[in-house]
Amino acid sequence: MSAPVLVTGGAGLLGSTLLTTAPAGSPVHATWRRSPVAGATAHRVELSDPAAVRDLMGRVRPGLVVHTAYGKHDGERDIAAASRSVAAATAAVGADLVHLSSDVVFDGEYAPYAETDAPAPISQYGRWKHTAEREVLRLVPEAAVVRTSLILAPLRPDPTTAWIVDAIQAGRGVDLFVDQLRCPIAVEDLAGQLWELAGLPTSDRAPASGISSDPKRSAATPSACCWPGSWGCPLTGFAPGTAVRAPAPLSRDREICA
């Protein structure tokens, strides 16, 4: 790679890891909204604003865009609209696009899931991620859509782990689901896979074909109990629960094929 690379969500867990593991030889740029970015030329931009993203792409002229930014509080803005703006601007400058999606696009009833399986999200978050996938592939048909599972880091908690740690340390109990199966992946491994994918010829990157995970699935409860334990959370703060009795729909078995 020699043309500039643009990573959206450069302050996030995956985005920041991509910046520190970027291959040599390409100028690296990153976007941010609330938290400043280190390790790249940073650009503060609202990704849901098509004009702002188009202007940024025109100035950076990336050869590759890796879209990792997302948010759960306003899915229309931070997932659907942001992905649409990024994809449209990427197409306008003729750059390659790697788009990060999630295993939540599956309903959890027919695992293990392969890259050719049709999405059937049952949660609102899953529906937003599926909408983003469709928009990306409509605007950039040759984009690589990577569906990954839980992303973990040894020295920095992912957003879900951070929420669990904060709740336990504040004395609030956390119910974890014994019937929800996932395939977690270390953030460094995922970043490496993405850079490897980006280096492939476009013809070898099948749309919606990237499924990144550790092939060993695990139940949410033991994983969540062990991981926050690294930050001093007592096991007494956890209680077993079941996804089928959750107040909002949750997919249970999201095992994905390696």
Protein backbone atom coordinates (compact mmCIF):
# COMPACT_ATOMS: atom_id res chain seq x y z
CA MET A 1 0.00 0.00 0.00
CA SER A 2 1.28 3.47 -0.84
CA ALA A 3 -1.83 5.66 -1.14
CA PRO A 4 -3.18 7.14 2.10
CA VAL A 5 -5.31 4.93 4.34
CA LEU A 6 -8.29 6.39 6.22
CA VAL A 7 -9.53 4.63 9.37
CA THR A 8 -12.86 5.83 10.77
CA GLY A 9 -13.31 5.65 14.52
CA GLY A 10 -9.60 6.02 15.16
CA ALA A 11 -10.07 6.46 18.93
CA GLY A 12 -12.00 3.21 19.33
CA LEU A 13 -10.63 -0.14 20.45
CA LEU A 14 -10.25 -1.56 16.95
CA GLY A 15 -9.54 1.74 15.21
CA SER A 16 -6.66 2.64 17.53
CA THR A 17 -5.18 -0.84 17.16
CA LEU A 18 -5.32 -0.52 13.39
CA LEU A 19 -3.35 2.72 13.67
CA THR A 20 -0.59 1.14 15.74
CA THR A 21 -0.34 -1.92 13.47
CA ALA A 22 -0.64 -0.20 10.08
CA PRO A 23 1.81 -1.48 7.46
CA ALA A 24 4.73 0.77 6.65
CA GLY A 25 4.70 2.85 3.50
CA SER A 26 1.24 4.38 3.59
CA PRO A 27 0.25 7.67 5.25
CA VAL A 28 -2.45 6.87 7.82
CA HIS A 29 -5.36 9.19 8.57
CA ALA A 30 -8.13 8.69 11.12
CA THR A 31 -11.45 10.28 12.02
CA TRP A 32 -12.72 11.13 15.47
CA ARG A 33 -15.73 12.85 17.03
CA ARG A 34 -15.40 12.93 20.83
CA SER A 35 -12.02 11.41 21.72
CA PRO A 36 -8.85 12.73 20.05
CA VAL A 37 -6.71 10.31 18.05
CA ALA A 38 -2.99 9.57 18.40
CA GLY A 39 -0.74 7.82 15.92
CA ALA A 40 -2.20 9.22 12.71
CA THR A 41 -3.18 12.43 10.98
CA ALA A 42 -6.48 13.08 12.74
CA HIS A 43 -9.64 14.67 11.34
CA ARG A 44 -12.61 15.59 13.50
CA VAL A 45 -15.73 14.98 11.45
CA GLU A 46 -19.38 14.03 11.86
CA LEU A 47 -19.60 10.89 9.74
CA SER A 48 -23.37 11.14 9.30
CA ASP A 49 -22.87 14.44 7.44
CA PRO A 50 -22.43 13.47 3.77
CA ALA A 51 -20.96 16.83 2.75
CA ALA A 52 -18.38 16.80 5.57
CA VAL A 53 -17.27 13.24 4.76
CA ARG A 54 -17.14 14.00 1.04
CA ASP A 55 -14.95 17.03 1.75
CA LEU A 56 -12.63 14.97 3.95
CA MET A 57 -12.27 12.23 1.33
CA GLY A 58 -11.52 14.85 -1.31
CA ARG A 59 -8.69 16.27 0.80
CA VAL A 60 -7.18 12.96 1.93
CA ARG A 61 -7.72 11.04 -1.35
CA PRO A 62 -7.36 7.62 0.34
CA GLY A 63 -6.67 4.45 -1.57
CA LEU A 64 -8.28 2.44 1.24
CA VAL A 65 -10.96 3.23 3.81
CA VAL A 66 -11.49 0.99 6.85
CA HIS A 67 -14.83 1.89 8.45
CA THR A 68 -14.86 0.86 12.12
CA ALA A 69 -16.83 3.76 13.65
CA TYR A 70 -20.27 3.06 15.11
CA GLY A 71 -22.50 3.97 18.01
CA LYS A 72 -25.45 2.26 19.69
CA HIS A 73 -27.36 5.21 21.12
CA ASP A 74 -28.49 6.63 17.77
CA GLY A 75 -28.36 3.85 15.22
CA GLU A 76 -29.84 5.89 12.41
CA ARG A 77 -27.10 8.51 12.74
CA ASP A 78 -24.09 6.54 13.95
CA ILE A 79 -24.55 3.29 12.04
CA ALA A 80 -26.85 3.69 9.04
CA ALA A 81 -26.24 7.33 8.06
CA ALA A 82 -22.53 7.25 8.91
CA SER A 83 -21.95 4.08 6.89
CA ARG A 84 -23.93 5.53 3.98
CA SER A 85 -21.88 8.74 4.00
CA VAL A 86 -18.58 6.89 4.21
CA ALA A 87 -19.51 4.48 1.43
CA ALA A 88 -20.75 7.23 -0.89
CA ALA A 89 -17.63 9.34 -0.35
CA THR A 90 -15.40 6.29 -0.78
CA ALA A 91 -17.05 5.53 -4.11
CA ALA A 92 -16.64 9.15 -5.20
CA VAL A 93 -12.84 9.00 -4.81
CA GLY A 94 -12.53 5.44 -6.14
CA ALA A 95 -11.04 3.99 -2.95
CA ASP A 96 -11.32 0.44 -1.65
CA LEU A 97 -13.56 -0.08 1.37
CA VAL A 98 -13.42 -2.54 4.28
CA HIS A 99 -16.57 -2.22 6.38
CA LEU A 100 -16.84 -3.65 9.91
CA SER A 101 -20.10 -5.34 10.73
CA SER A 102 -21.11 -7.82 13.42
CA ASP A 103 -22.46 -11.28 14.14
CA VAL A 104 -25.61 -9.57 15.49
CA VAL A 105 -26.99 -9.62 11.93
CA PHE A 106 -27.83 -13.31 12.58
CA ASP A 107 -30.79 -14.55 14.62
CA GLY A 108 -28.84 -17.13 16.62
CA GLU A 109 -31.10 -20.05 15.77
CA TYR A 110 -29.15 -21.76 12.97
CA ALA A 111 -25.48 -21.66 13.98
CA PRO A 112 -22.78 -22.05 12.88
CA TYR A 113 -23.06 -19.19 10.40
CA ALA A 114 -21.09 -19.02 7.18
CA GLU A 115 -20.38 -16.01 5.00
CA THR A 116 -23.14 -17.02 2.57
CA ASP A 117 -25.89 -17.24 5.20
CA ALA A 118 -28.63 -14.64 4.92
CA PRO A 119 -28.82 -12.10 7.77
CA ALA A 120 -31.90 -12.22 9.99
CA PRO A 121 -31.36 -9.76 12.84
CA ILE A 122 -33.76 -9.82 15.78
CA SER A 123 -32.43 -6.84 17.78
CA GLN A 124 -32.61 -3.18 16.85
CA TYR A 125 -28.81 -2.96 16.88
CA GLY A 126 -28.64 -5.95 14.55
CA ARG A 127 -31.12 -4.33 12.19
CA TRP A 128 -29.05 -1.14 12.06
CA LYS A 129 -25.92 -3.14 11.28
CA HIS A 130 -27.74 -5.03 8.55
CA THR A 131 -29.04 -1.77 7.09
CA ALA A 132 -25.48 -0.45 7.04
CA GLU A 133 -24.28 -3.56 5.22
CA ARG A 134 -26.92 -3.16 2.53
CA GLU A 135 -26.14 0.52 2.05
CA VAL A 136 -22.42 -0.13 1.82
CA LEU A 137 -22.80 -2.86 -0.79
CA ARG A 138 -25.29 -0.79 -2.76
CA LEU A 139 -22.85 2.10 -3.00
CA VAL A 140 -19.59 0.12 -3.15
CA PRO A 141 -20.42 -3.34 -4.56
CA GLU A 142 -16.81 -4.51 -4.23
CA ALA A 143 -16.51 -3.54 -0.57
CA ALA A 144 -15.42 -6.21 1.90
CA VAL A 145 -17.93 -6.52 4.75
CA VAL A 146 -16.37 -8.14 7.81
CA ARG A 147 -18.73 -9.66 10.37
CA THR A 148 -16.93 -10.16 13.63
CA SER A 149 -17.88 -11.15 17.16
CA LEU A 150 -16.81 -9.89 20.58
CA ILE A 151 -13.55 -7.95 20.34
CA LEU A 152 -11.28 -8.24 23.39
CA ALA A 153 -8.02 -6.57 24.41
CA PRO A 154 -5.70 -7.57 27.26
CA LEU A 155 -4.81 -4.04 28.36
CA ARG A 156 -7.91 -2.04 27.48
CA PRO A 157 -11.52 -3.08 28.08
CA ASP A 158 -13.90 -3.23 25.15
CA PRO A 159 -17.11 -1.15 25.59
CA THR A 160 -19.17 -4.06 26.93
CA THR A 161 -16.47 -5.11 29.40
CA ALA A 162 -16.05 -1.49 30.51
CA TRP A 163 -19.79 -1.29 31.20
CA ILE A 164 -19.65 -4.52 33.23
CA VAL A 165 -16.62 -3.35 35.21
CA ASP A 166 -18.22 0.02 35.98
CA ALA A 167 -21.46 -1.62 37.10
CA ILE A 168 -19.77 -4.15 39.39
CA GLN A 169 -17.44 -1.56 40.93
CA ALA A 170 -20.49 0.65 41.60
CA GLY A 171 -22.20 -2.19 43.44
CA ARG A 172 -24.76 -2.98 40.75
CA GLY A 173 -25.23 -6.64 39.90
CA VAL A 174 -24.94 -7.79 36.30
CA ASP A 175 -26.96 -10.64 34.78
CA LEU A 176 -25.02 -12.64 32.21
CA PHE A 177 -26.54 -15.15 29.84
CA VAL A 178 -25.60 -18.82 30.14
CA ASP A 179 -27.33 -19.67 26.85
CA GLN A 180 -25.65 -17.07 24.61
CA LEU A 181 -22.65 -18.35 22.64
CA ARG A 182 -20.12 -16.12 20.91
CA CYS A 183 -16.72 -16.42 19.18
CA PRO A 184 -14.53 -13.68 20.71
CA ILE A 185 -11.40 -12.44 18.98
CA ALA A 186 -8.38 -10.53 20.26
CA VAL A 187 -8.26 -7.03 18.83
CA GLU A 188 -4.67 -7.48 17.64
CA ASP A 189 -5.66 -10.60 15.71
CA LEU A 190 -8.62 -8.85 14.11
CA ALA A 191 -6.48 -5.85 13.12
CA GLY A 192 -3.94 -8.17 11.54
CA GLN A 193 -6.65 -9.96 9.58
CA LEU A 194 -8.05 -6.66 8.33
CA TRP A 195 -4.66 -5.43 7.09
CA GLU A 196 -4.15 -8.80 5.42
CA LEU A 197 -7.58 -8.54 3.79
CA ALA A 198 -6.86 -4.99 2.64
CA GLY A 199 -3.70 -6.18 0.92
CA LEU A 200 -5.55 -8.68 -1.26
CA PRO A 201 -6.57 -7.82 -4.83
CA THR A 202 -10.13 -6.50 -4.95
CA SER A 203 -11.22 -9.55 -6.96
CA ASP A 204 -10.25 -11.80 -4.04
CA ARG A 205 -12.37 -9.87 -1.53
CA ALA A 206 -15.89 -11.25 -1.85
CA PRO A 207 -18.58 -8.86 -0.56
CA ALA A 208 -19.94 -9.82 2.86
CA SER A 209 -17.49 -12.70 2.99
CA GLY A 210 -15.20 -11.73 5.82
CA ILE A 211 -16.13 -13.42 9.08
CA SER A 212 -13.42 -12.89 11.68
CA SER A 213 -13.42 -14.77 14.96
CA ASP A 214 -11.67 -17.30 17.08
CA PRO A 215 -13.16 -20.64 16.01
CA LYS A 216 -13.58 -21.65 19.67
CA ARG A 217 -16.96 -20.44 20.84
CA SER A 218 -17.72 -19.71 24.46
CA ALA A 219 -20.74 -18.95 26.58
CA ALA A 220 -21.19 -15.32 27.49
CA THR A 221 -21.22 -15.90 31.24
CA PRO A 222 -17.81 -17.61 31.72
CA SER A 223 -16.18 -15.27 29.23
CA ALA A 224 -17.60 -12.18 30.87
CA CYS A 225 -16.74 -13.40 34.37
CA CYS A 226 -13.12 -14.16 33.52
CA TRP A 227 -12.44 -11.06 31.46
CA PRO A 228 -13.61 -8.34 33.92
CA GLY A 229 -11.77 -10.33 36.60
CA SER A 230 -8.59 -8.90 35.12
CA TRP A 231 -9.80 -5.52 36.40
CA GLY A 232 -10.53 -6.75 39.93
CA CYS A 233 -14.25 -7.50 39.59
CA PRO A 234 -15.47 -10.11 42.10
CA LEU A 235 -17.45 -13.04 40.75
CA THR A 236 -20.11 -12.35 43.36
CA GLY A 237 -21.24 -9.40 41.23
CA PHE A 238 -22.52 -11.70 38.50
CA ALA A 239 -25.75 -13.63 38.27
CA PRO A 240 -26.74 -16.18 35.60
CA GLY A 241 -29.52 -15.27 33.21
CA THR A 242 -30.96 -16.54 29.95
CA ALA A 243 -31.28 -14.75 26.63
CA VAL A 244 -34.75 -16.21 26.07
CA ARG A 245 -36.00 -14.33 29.16
CA ALA A 246 -34.26 -11.05 28.39
CA PRO A 247 -36.53 -7.99 28.16
CA ALA A 248 -35.36 -7.30 24.59
CA PRO A 249 -34.83 -9.94 21.87
CA LEU A 250 -31.33 -11.45 21.93
CA SER A 251 -29.83 -13.97 19.56
CA ARG A 252 -28.45 -16.97 21.41
CA ASP A 253 -25.93 -19.02 19.42
CA ARG A 254 -23.89 -16.79 17.12
CA GLU A 255 -21.11 -19.22 16.38
CA ILE A 256 -19.48 -18.26 13.11
CA CYS A 257 -17.40 -20.43 10.83
CA ALA A 258 -13.68 -19.73 10.89
